[in-house]
């Protein structure tokens, strides 16, 4: 709710706080959202390396969305060398 401002004022710092709590409990969705905050620079400085770290944690926890986002980073060369083959591998792993 804090991320989108639904019912409360939008507050990325508060959203990050709750996502970190979820991530600490192994919640893959929370890990994916933390990665997205870093990828897009929402409430934190944009940092593709940290985004990739969080996406990898989420992928290891079973998040297909995170696998697709890892594919996107490799396809576009965002924080990693552009690698279409690796992007395809991650996209296939995500089930696409």
PDB file of N, CA and C in Angstrom:
ATOM      1  N   UNK A   1       0.815  -1.179   0.000  1.00  0.00           N
ATOM      2  CA  UNK A   1       0.000   0.000   0.000  1.00  0.00           C
ATOM      3  C   UNK A   1       0.870   1.259   0.000  1.00  0.00           C
ATOM      4  N   UNK A   2       1.975   1.224   0.728  1.00  0.00           N
ATOM      5  CA  UNK A   2       2.855   2.391   0.757  1.00  0.00           C
ATOM      6  C   UNK A   2       3.537   2.608  -0.596  1.00  0.00           C
ATOM      7  N   UNK A   3       3.788   1.540  -1.316  1.00  0.00           N
ATOM      8  CA  UNK A   3       4.435   1.678  -2.622  1.00  0.00           C
ATOM      9  C   UNK A   3       3.539   2.421  -3.609  1.00  0.00           C
ATOM     10  N   UNK A   4       2.259   2.098  -3.592  1.00  0.00           N
ATOM     11  CA  UNK A   4       1.331   2.685  -4.568  1.00  0.00           C
ATOM     12  C   UNK A   4       0.565   3.887  -4.039  1.00  0.00           C
ATOM     13  N   UNK A   5       0.558   4.076  -2.733  1.00  0.00           N
ATOM     14  CA  UNK A   5      -0.204   5.163  -2.138  1.00  0.00           C
ATOM     15  C   UNK A   5      -1.689   4.852  -2.046  1.00  0.00           C
ATOM     16  N   UNK A   6      -2.016   3.582  -2.042  1.00  0.00           N
ATOM     17  CA  UNK A   6      -3.421   3.182  -1.948  1.00  0.00           C
ATOM     18  C   UNK A   6      -3.859   3.173  -0.481  1.00  0.00           C
ATOM     19  N   UNK A   7      -4.665   4.140  -0.107  1.00  0.00           N
ATOM     20  CA  UNK A   7      -5.189   4.217   1.255  1.00  0.00           C
ATOM     21  C   UNK A   7      -4.276   4.921   2.241  1.00  0.00           C
ATOM     22  N   UNK A   8      -3.040   5.157   1.840  1.00  0.00           N
ATOM     23  CA  UNK A   8      -2.053   5.851   2.670  1.00  0.00           C
ATOM     24  C   UNK A   8      -1.203   6.721   1.749  1.00  0.00           C
ATOM     25  N   UNK A   9      -0.519   7.711   2.298  1.00  0.00           N
ATOM     26  CA  UNK A   9       0.382   8.487   1.437  1.00  0.00           C
ATOM     27  C   UNK A   9       1.492   7.595   0.873  1.00  0.00           C
ATOM     28  N   UNK A  10       1.837   7.803  -0.399  1.00  0.00           N
ATOM     29  CA  UNK A  10       2.924   7.032  -1.013  1.00  0.00           C
ATOM     30  C   UNK A  10       4.207   7.305  -0.249  1.00  0.00           C
ATOM     31  N   UNK A  11       4.902   6.226   0.109  1.00  0.00           N
ATOM     32  CA  UNK A  11       6.123   6.362   0.905  1.00  0.00           C
ATOM     33  C   UNK A  11       7.025   5.166   0.596  1.00  0.00           C
ATOM     34  N   UNK A  12       7.996   5.381  -0.311  1.00  0.00           N
ATOM     35  CA  UNK A  12       8.870   4.280  -0.711  1.00  0.00           C
ATOM     36  C   UNK A  12       9.717   3.758   0.448  1.00  0.00           C
ATOM     37  N   UNK A  13      10.132   4.632   1.347  1.00  0.00           N
ATOM     38  CA  UNK A  13      10.942   4.178   2.483  1.00  0.00           C
ATOM     39  C   UNK A  13      10.142   3.226   3.363  1.00  0.00           C
ATOM     40  N   UNK A  14       8.887   3.552   3.592  1.00  0.00           N
ATOM     41  CA  UNK A  14       8.038   2.677   4.409  1.00  0.00           C
ATOM     42  C   UNK A  14       7.746   1.368   3.672  1.00  0.00           C
ATOM     43  N   UNK A  15       7.518   1.465   2.377  1.00  0.00           N
ATOM     44  CA  UNK A  15       7.292   0.259   1.582  1.00  0.00           C
ATOM     45  C   UNK A  15       8.524  -0.639   1.644  1.00  0.00           C
ATOM     46  N   UNK A  16       9.702  -0.043   1.487  1.00  0.00           N
ATOM     47  CA  UNK A  16      10.942  -0.815   1.537  1.00  0.00           C
ATOM     48  C   UNK A  16      11.091  -1.500   2.891  1.00  0.00           C
ATOM     49  N   UNK A  17      10.743  -0.793   3.954  1.00  0.00           N
ATOM     50  CA  UNK A  17      10.802  -1.381   5.298  1.00  0.00           C
ATOM     51  C   UNK A  17       9.990  -2.678   5.338  1.00  0.00           C
ATOM     52  N   UNK A  18       8.760  -2.650   4.846  1.00  0.00           N
ATOM     53  CA  UNK A  18       7.897  -3.824   4.900  1.00  0.00           C
ATOM     54  C   UNK A  18       8.355  -4.908   3.937  1.00  0.00           C
ATOM     55  N   UNK A  19       8.854  -4.503   2.774  1.00  0.00           N
ATOM     56  CA  UNK A  19       9.379  -5.513   1.850  1.00  0.00           C
ATOM     57  C   UNK A  19      10.612  -6.195   2.444  1.00  0.00           C
ATOM     58  N   UNK A  20      11.454  -5.448   3.124  1.00  0.00           N
ATOM     59  CA  UNK A  20      12.634  -6.061   3.757  1.00  0.00           C
ATOM     60  C   UNK A  20      12.213  -7.058   4.842  1.00  0.00           C
ATOM     61  N   UNK A  21      11.174  -6.733   5.568  1.00  0.00           N
ATOM     62  CA  UNK A  21      10.674  -7.685   6.578  1.00  0.00           C
ATOM     63  C   UNK A  21      10.193  -8.960   5.917  1.00  0.00           C
ATOM     64  N   UNK A  22       9.483  -8.802   4.802  1.00  0.00           N
ATOM     65  CA  UNK A  22       9.016  -9.978   4.070  1.00  0.00           C
ATOM     66  C   UNK A  22      10.169 -10.783   3.504  1.00  0.00           C
ATOM     67  N   UNK A  23      11.152 -10.078   2.947  1.00  0.00           N
ATOM     68  CA  UNK A  23      12.320 -10.751   2.370  1.00  0.00           C
ATOM     69  C   UNK A  23      13.080 -11.537   3.429  1.00  0.00           C
ATOM     70  N   UNK A  24      13.180 -10.975   4.621  1.00  0.00           N
ATOM     71  CA  UNK A  24      13.874 -11.657   5.713  1.00  0.00           C
ATOM     72  C   UNK A  24      13.180 -12.963   6.082  1.00  0.00           C
ATOM     73  N   UNK A  25      11.908 -13.060   5.753  1.00  0.00           N
ATOM     74  CA  UNK A  25      11.140 -14.280   6.028  1.00  0.00           C
ATOM     75  C   UNK A  25      11.071 -15.193   4.809  1.00  0.00           C
ATOM     76  N   UNK A  26      11.832 -14.833   3.770  1.00  0.00           N
ATOM     77  CA  UNK A  26      11.897 -15.692   2.595  1.00  0.00           C
ATOM     78  C   UNK A  26      10.829 -15.439   1.550  1.00  0.00           C
ATOM     79  N   UNK A  27      10.117 -14.312   1.652  1.00  0.00           N
ATOM     80  CA  UNK A  27       9.050 -14.012   0.710  1.00  0.00           C
ATOM     81  C   UNK A  27       9.622 -13.532  -0.622  1.00  0.00           C
ATOM     82  N   UNK A  28       9.433 -14.338  -1.668  1.00  0.00           N
ATOM     83  CA  UNK A  28      10.001 -14.047  -2.986  1.00  0.00           C
ATOM     84  C   UNK A  28       9.414 -12.773  -3.588  1.00  0.00           C
ATOM     85  N   UNK A  29       8.129 -12.512  -3.360  1.00  0.00           N
ATOM     86  CA  UNK A  29       7.520 -11.288  -3.891  1.00  0.00           C
ATOM     87  C   UNK A  29       8.208 -10.059  -3.306  1.00  0.00           C
ATOM     88  N   UNK A  30       8.448 -10.072  -2.006  1.00  0.00           N
ATOM     89  CA  UNK A  30       9.130  -8.948  -1.359  1.00  0.00           C
ATOM     90  C   UNK A  30      10.520  -8.749  -1.942  1.00  0.00           C
ATOM     91  N   UNK A  31      11.238  -9.843  -2.157  1.00  0.00           N
ATOM     92  CA  UNK A  31      12.580  -9.747  -2.739  1.00  0.00           C
ATOM     93  C   UNK A  31      12.524  -9.138  -4.142  1.00  0.00           C
ATOM     94  N   UNK A  32      11.535  -9.542  -4.906  1.00  0.00           N
ATOM     95  CA  UNK A  32      11.375  -9.021  -6.267  1.00  0.00           C
ATOM     96  C   UNK A  32      11.082  -7.532  -6.235  1.00  0.00           C
ATOM     97  N   UNK A  33      10.234  -7.103  -5.341  1.00  0.00           N
ATOM     98  CA  UNK A  33       9.893  -5.677  -5.262  1.00  0.00           C
ATOM     99  C   UNK A  33      11.098  -4.853  -4.829  1.00  0.00           C
ATOM    100  N   UNK A  34      11.906  -5.367  -3.909  1.00  0.00           N
ATOM    101  CA  UNK A  34      13.125  -4.644  -3.512  1.00  0.00           C
ATOM    102  C   UNK A  34      14.028  -4.493  -4.729  1.00  0.00           C
ATOM    103  N   UNK A  35      14.175  -5.554  -5.493  1.00  0.00           N
ATOM    104  CA  UNK A  35      14.957  -5.477  -6.718  1.00  0.00           C
ATOM    105  C   UNK A  35      14.423  -4.419  -7.665  1.00  0.00           C
ATOM    106  N   UNK A  36      13.117  -4.353  -7.801  1.00  0.00           N
ATOM    107  CA  UNK A  36      12.497  -3.363  -8.694  1.00  0.00           C
ATOM    108  C   UNK A  36      12.752  -1.937  -8.199  1.00  0.00           C
ATOM    109  N   UNK A  37      12.732  -1.748  -6.892  1.00  0.00           N
ATOM    110  CA  UNK A  37      13.030  -0.414  -6.351  1.00  0.00           C
ATOM    111  C   UNK A  37      14.434   0.008  -6.782  1.00  0.00           C
ATOM    112  N   UNK A  38      15.389  -0.904  -6.683  1.00  0.00           N
ATOM    113  CA  UNK A  38      16.758  -0.581  -7.092  1.00  0.00           C
ATOM    114  C   UNK A  38      16.860  -0.413  -8.610  1.00  0.00           C
ATOM    115  N   UNK A  39      16.170  -1.253  -9.365  1.00  0.00           N
ATOM    116  CA  UNK A  39      16.244  -1.137 -10.820  1.00  0.00           C
ATOM    117  C   UNK A  39      15.714   0.211 -11.310  1.00  0.00           C
ATOM    118  N   UNK A  40      14.638   0.678 -10.698  1.00  0.00           N
ATOM    119  CA  UNK A  40      13.987   1.899 -11.164  1.00  0.00           C
ATOM    120  C   UNK A  40      14.335   3.141 -10.352  1.00  0.00           C
ATOM    121  N   UNK A  41      15.107   2.968  -9.296  1.00  0.00           N
ATOM    122  CA  UNK A  41      15.480   4.110  -8.469  1.00  0.00           C
ATOM    123  C   UNK A  41      14.297   4.692  -7.716  1.00  0.00           C
ATOM    124  N   UNK A  42      13.442   3.847  -7.207  1.00  0.00           N
ATOM    125  CA  UNK A  42      12.265   4.289  -6.456  1.00  0.00           C
ATOM    126  C   UNK A  42      12.585   4.287  -4.967  1.00  0.00           C
ATOM    127  N   UNK A  43      12.810   5.457  -4.411  1.00  0.00           N
ATOM    128  CA  UNK A  43      13.097   5.589  -2.992  1.00  0.00           C
ATOM    129  C   UNK A  43      14.533   5.272  -2.619  1.00  0.00           C
ATOM    130  N   UNK A  44      15.302   4.780  -3.574  1.00  0.00           N
ATOM    131  CA  UNK A  44      16.719   4.474  -3.393  1.00  0.00           C
ATOM    132  C   UNK A  44      17.432   4.881  -4.679  1.00  0.00           C
ATOM    133  N   UNK A  45      18.737   5.110  -4.621  1.00  0.00           N
ATOM    134  CA  UNK A  45      19.447   5.387  -5.870  1.00  0.00           C
ATOM    135  C   UNK A  45      19.372   4.179  -6.803  1.00  0.00           C
ATOM    136  N   UNK A  46      19.204   4.440  -8.098  1.00  0.00           N
ATOM    137  CA  UNK A  46      19.179   3.343  -9.075  1.00  0.00           C
ATOM    138  C   UNK A  46      20.487   2.569  -8.985  1.00  0.00           C
ATOM    139  N   UNK A  47      20.368   1.243  -8.873  1.00  0.00           N
ATOM    140  CA  UNK A  47      21.544   0.402  -8.747  1.00  0.00           C
ATOM    141  C   UNK A  47      21.215  -0.966  -9.346  1.00  0.00           C
ATOM    142  N   UNK A  48      21.636  -1.162 -10.602  1.00  0.00           N
ATOM    143  CA  UNK A  48      21.315  -2.403 -11.293  1.00  0.00           C
ATOM    144  C   UNK A  48      21.965  -3.616 -10.640  1.00  0.00           C
ATOM    145  N   UNK A  49      23.150  -3.452 -10.069  1.00  0.00           N
ATOM    146  CA  UNK A  49      23.818  -4.580  -9.408  1.00  0.00           C
ATOM    147  C   UNK A  49      22.995  -5.060  -8.213  1.00  0.00           C
ATOM    148  N   UNK A  50      22.490  -4.130  -7.414  1.00  0.00           N
ATOM    149  CA  UNK A  50      21.657  -4.524  -6.268  1.00  0.00           C
ATOM    150  C   UNK A  50      20.334  -5.104  -6.749  1.00  0.00           C
ATOM    151  N   UNK A  51      19.790  -4.547  -7.833  1.00  0.00           N
ATOM    152  CA  UNK A  51      18.555  -5.097  -8.391  1.00  0.00           C
ATOM    153  C   UNK A  51      18.774  -6.556  -8.772  1.00  0.00           C
ATOM    154  N   UNK A  52      19.870  -6.815  -9.459  1.00  0.00           N
ATOM    155  CA  UNK A  52      20.172  -8.184  -9.880  1.00  0.00           C
ATOM    156  C   UNK A  52      20.354  -9.102  -8.675  1.00  0.00           C
ATOM    157  N   UNK A  53      21.009  -8.637  -7.634  1.00  0.00           N
ATOM    158  CA  UNK A  53      21.190  -9.451  -6.425  1.00  0.00           C
ATOM    159  C   UNK A  53      19.830  -9.856  -5.845  1.00  0.00           C
ATOM    160  N   UNK A  54      18.933  -8.890  -5.744  1.00  0.00           N
ATOM    161  CA  UNK A  54      17.619  -9.185  -5.175  1.00  0.00           C
ATOM    162  C   UNK A  54      16.795 -10.066  -6.100  1.00  0.00           C
ATOM    163  N   UNK A  55      16.876  -9.818  -7.401  1.00  0.00           N
ATOM    164  CA  UNK A  55      16.158 -10.678  -8.340  1.00  0.00           C
ATOM    165  C   UNK A  55      16.674 -12.111  -8.259  1.00  0.00           C
ATOM    166  N   UNK A  56      17.977 -12.275  -8.118  1.00  0.00           N
ATOM    167  CA  UNK A  56      18.545 -13.626  -8.013  1.00  0.00           C
ATOM    168  C   UNK A  56      18.049 -14.323  -6.735  1.00  0.00           C
ATOM    169  N   UNK A  57      17.982 -13.584  -5.622  1.00  0.00           N
ATOM    170  CA  UNK A  57      17.459 -14.168  -4.377  1.00  0.00           C
ATOM    171  C   UNK A  57      16.012 -14.596  -4.577  1.00  0.00           C
ATOM    172  N   UNK A  58      15.241 -13.732  -5.226  1.00  0.00           N
ATOM    173  CA  UNK A  58      13.829 -14.039  -5.467  1.00  0.00           C
ATOM    174  C   UNK A  58      13.688 -15.233  -6.402  1.00  0.00           C
ATOM    175  N   UNK A  59      14.526 -15.278  -7.436  1.00  0.00           N
ATOM    176  CA  UNK A  59      14.483 -16.411  -8.369  1.00  0.00           C
ATOM    177  C   UNK A  59      14.815 -17.711  -7.644  1.00  0.00           C
ATOM    178  N   UNK A  60      15.797 -17.667  -6.771  1.00  0.00           N
ATOM    179  CA  UNK A  60      16.167 -18.851  -5.993  1.00  0.00           C
ATOM    180  C   UNK A  60      15.023 -19.296  -5.092  1.00  0.00           C
ATOM    181  N   UNK A  61      14.176 -18.338  -4.701  1.00  0.00           N
ATOM    182  CA  UNK A  61      13.018 -18.650  -3.863  1.00  0.00           C
ATOM    183  C   UNK A  61      11.806 -19.031  -4.716  1.00  0.00           C
ATOM    184  N   UNK A  62      11.991 -19.081  -6.052  1.00  0.00           N
ATOM    185  CA  UNK A  62      10.928 -19.564  -6.928  1.00  0.00           C
ATOM    186  C   UNK A  62      10.141 -18.519  -7.695  1.00  0.00           C
ATOM    187  N   UNK A  63      10.562 -17.270  -7.665  1.00  0.00           N
ATOM    188  CA  UNK A  63       9.812 -16.211  -8.345  1.00  0.00           C
ATOM    189  C   UNK A  63      10.063 -16.211  -9.852  1.00  0.00           C
ATOM    190  N   UNK A  64       9.034 -16.540 -10.600  1.00  0.00           N
ATOM    191  CA  UNK A  64       9.124 -16.501 -12.053  1.00  0.00           C
ATOM    192  C   UNK A  64       9.196 -15.060 -12.545  1.00  0.00           C
ATOM    193  N   UNK A  65       8.554 -14.144 -11.832  1.00  0.00           N
ATOM    194  CA  UNK A  65       8.629 -12.720 -12.192  1.00  0.00           C
ATOM    195  C   UNK A  65      10.067 -12.228 -12.095  1.00  0.00           C
ATOM    196  N   UNK A  66      10.775 -12.634 -11.057  1.00  0.00           N
ATOM    197  CA  UNK A  66      12.173 -12.230 -10.895  1.00  0.00           C
ATOM    198  C   UNK A  66      13.033 -12.815 -12.006  1.00  0.00           C
ATOM    199  N   UNK A  67      12.753 -14.043 -12.403  1.00  0.00           N
ATOM    200  CA  UNK A  67      13.499 -14.657 -13.506  1.00  0.00           C
ATOM    201  C   UNK A  67      13.308 -13.857 -14.790  1.00  0.00           C
ATOM    202  N   UNK A  68      12.088 -13.416 -15.031  1.00  0.00           N
ATOM    203  CA  UNK A  68      11.793 -12.600 -16.218  1.00  0.00           C
ATOM    204  C   UNK A  68      12.523 -11.263 -16.129  1.00  0.00           C
ATOM    205  N   UNK A  69      12.595 -10.689 -14.943  1.00  0.00           N
ATOM    206  CA  UNK A  69      13.280  -9.406 -14.772  1.00  0.00           C
ATOM    207  C   UNK A  69      14.796  -9.556 -14.941  1.00  0.00           C
ATOM    208  N   UNK A  70      15.345 -10.675 -14.518  1.00  0.00           N
ATOM    209  CA  UNK A  70      16.768 -10.943 -14.761  1.00  0.00           C
ATOM    210  C   UNK A  70      17.006 -11.020 -16.266  1.00  0.00           C
ATOM    211  N   UNK A  71      16.108 -11.689 -16.965  1.00  0.00           N
ATOM    212  CA  UNK A  71      16.196 -11.772 -18.419  1.00  0.00           C
ATOM    213  C   UNK A  71      16.219 -10.383 -19.044  1.00  0.00           C
ATOM    214  N   UNK A  72      15.364  -9.516 -18.546  1.00  0.00           N
ATOM    215  CA  UNK A  72      15.292  -8.135 -19.047  1.00  0.00           C
ATOM    216  C   UNK A  72      16.631  -7.410 -18.858  1.00  0.00           C
ATOM    217  N   UNK A  73      17.251  -7.568 -17.693  1.00  0.00           N
ATOM    218  CA  UNK A  73      18.532  -6.905 -17.444  1.00  0.00           C
ATOM    219  C   UNK A  73      19.590  -7.364 -18.441  1.00  0.00           C
ATOM    220  N   UNK A  74      19.646  -8.682 -18.695  1.00  0.00           N
ATOM    221  CA  UNK A  74      20.627  -9.204 -19.652  1.00  0.00           C
ATOM    222  C   UNK A  74      20.281  -8.815 -21.088  1.00  0.00           C
ATOM    223  N   UNK A  75      19.009  -8.776 -21.417  1.00  0.00           N
ATOM    224  CA  UNK A  75      18.592  -8.409 -22.773  1.00  0.00           C
ATOM    225  C   UNK A  75      18.955  -6.961 -23.091  1.00  0.00           C
ATOM    226  N   UNK A  76      18.838  -6.086 -22.103  1.00  0.00           N
ATOM    227  CA  UNK A  76      19.108  -4.661 -22.309  1.00  0.00           C
ATOM    228  C   UNK A  76      20.524  -4.246 -21.918  1.00  0.00           C
ATOM    229  N   UNK A  77      21.245  -5.134 -21.231  1.00  0.00           N
ATOM    230  CA  UNK A  77      22.587  -4.783 -20.773  1.00  0.00           C
ATOM    231  C   UNK A  77      22.555  -3.766 -19.647  1.00  0.00           C
ATOM    232  N   UNK A  78      21.614  -3.906 -18.749  1.00  0.00           N
ATOM    233  CA  UNK A  78      21.460  -2.984 -17.624  1.00  0.00           C
ATOM    234  C   UNK A  78      22.241  -3.495 -16.417  1.00  0.00           C
ATOM    235  N   UNK A  79      23.418  -2.941 -16.186  1.00  0.00           N
ATOM    236  CA  UNK A  79      24.244  -3.337 -15.058  1.00  0.00           C
ATOM    237  C   UNK A  79      25.018  -4.618 -15.280  1.00  0.00           C
ATOM    238  N   UNK A  80      24.820  -5.226 -16.420  1.00  0.00           N
ATOM    239  CA  UNK A  80      25.512  -6.461 -16.806  1.00  0.00           C
ATOM    240  C   UNK A  80      25.836  -6.348 -18.295  1.00  0.00           C
ATOM    241  N   UNK A  81      26.796  -7.124 -18.765  1.00  0.00           N
ATOM    242  CA  UNK A  81      27.023  -7.120 -20.216  1.00  0.00           C
ATOM    243  C   UNK A  81      25.772  -7.627 -20.943  1.00  0.00           C
ATOM    244  N   UNK A  82      25.446  -7.000 -22.038  1.00  0.00           N
ATOM    245  CA  UNK A  82      24.299  -7.443 -22.834  1.00  0.00           C
ATOM    246  C   UNK A  82      24.578  -8.869 -23.308  1.00  0.00           C
ATOM    247  N   UNK A  83      23.638  -9.772 -23.029  1.00  0.00           N
ATOM    248  CA  UNK A  83      23.847 -11.184 -23.341  1.00  0.00           C
ATOM    249  C   UNK A  83      22.512 -11.818 -23.749  1.00  0.00           C
ATOM    250  N   UNK A  84      22.183 -11.778 -25.042  1.00  0.00           N
ATOM    251  CA  UNK A  84      20.906 -12.329 -25.502  1.00  0.00           C
ATOM    252  C   UNK A  84      20.718 -13.805 -25.163  1.00  0.00           C
ATOM    253  N   UNK A  85      21.795 -14.592 -25.197  1.00  0.00           N
ATOM    254  CA  UNK A  85      21.678 -16.019 -24.883  1.00  0.00           C
ATOM    255  C   UNK A  85      21.300 -16.228 -23.416  1.00  0.00           C
ATOM    256  N   UNK A  86      21.934 -15.474 -22.536  1.00  0.00           N
ATOM    257  CA  UNK A  86      21.615 -15.585 -21.116  1.00  0.00           C
ATOM    258  C   UNK A  86      20.219 -15.032 -20.835  1.00  0.00           C
ATOM    259  N   UNK A  87      19.847 -13.972 -21.539  1.00  0.00           N
ATOM    260  CA  UNK A  87      18.493 -13.426 -21.392  1.00  0.00           C
ATOM    261  C   UNK A  87      17.465 -14.485 -21.777  1.00  0.00           C
ATOM    262  N   UNK A  88      17.712 -15.189 -22.865  1.00  0.00           N
ATOM    263  CA  UNK A  88      16.795 -16.237 -23.320  1.00  0.00           C
ATOM    264  C   UNK A  88      16.717 -17.367 -22.296  1.00  0.00           C
ATOM    265  N   UNK A  89      17.862 -17.732 -21.731  1.00  0.00           N
ATOM    266  CA  UNK A  89      17.895 -18.798 -20.720  1.00  0.00           C
ATOM    267  C   UNK A  89      17.006 -18.443 -19.530  1.00  0.00           C
ATOM    268  N   UNK A  90      17.139 -17.203 -19.049  1.00  0.00           N
ATOM    269  CA  UNK A  90      16.343 -16.783 -17.900  1.00  0.00           C
ATOM    270  C   UNK A  90      14.863 -16.690 -18.257  1.00  0.00           C
ATOM    271  N   UNK A  91      14.566 -16.262 -19.468  1.00  0.00           N
ATOM    272  CA  UNK A  91      13.173 -16.167 -19.887  1.00  0.00           C
ATOM    273  C   UNK A  91      12.559 -17.565 -19.983  1.00  0.00           C
ATOM    274  N   UNK A  92      13.300 -18.519 -20.510  1.00  0.00           N
ATOM    275  CA  UNK A  92      12.809 -19.894 -20.574  1.00  0.00           C
ATOM    276  C   UNK A  92      12.639 -20.478 -19.179  1.00  0.00           C
ATOM    277  N   UNK A  93      13.568 -20.159 -18.300  1.00  0.00           N
ATOM    278  CA  UNK A  93      13.468 -20.634 -16.916  1.00  0.00           C
ATOM    279  C   UNK A  93      12.212 -20.083 -16.242  1.00  0.00           C
ATOM    280  N   UNK A  94      11.833 -18.859 -16.650  1.00  0.00           N
ATOM    281  CA  UNK A  94      10.631 -18.234 -16.096  1.00  0.00           C
ATOM    282  C   UNK A  94       9.347 -18.847 -16.659  1.00  0.00           C
ATOM    283  N   UNK A  95       9.501 -19.666 -17.715  1.00  0.00           N
ATOM    284  CA  UNK A  95       8.339 -20.309 -18.287  1.00  0.00           C
ATOM    285  C   UNK A  95       7.741 -19.554 -19.460  1.00  0.00           C
ATOM    286  N   UNK A  96       8.543 -18.695 -20.081  1.00  0.00           N
ATOM    287  CA  UNK A  96       8.060 -17.920 -21.242  1.00  0.00           C
ATOM    288  C   UNK A  96       8.745 -18.367 -22.500  1.00  0.00           C
TER     289      UNK A  96
END
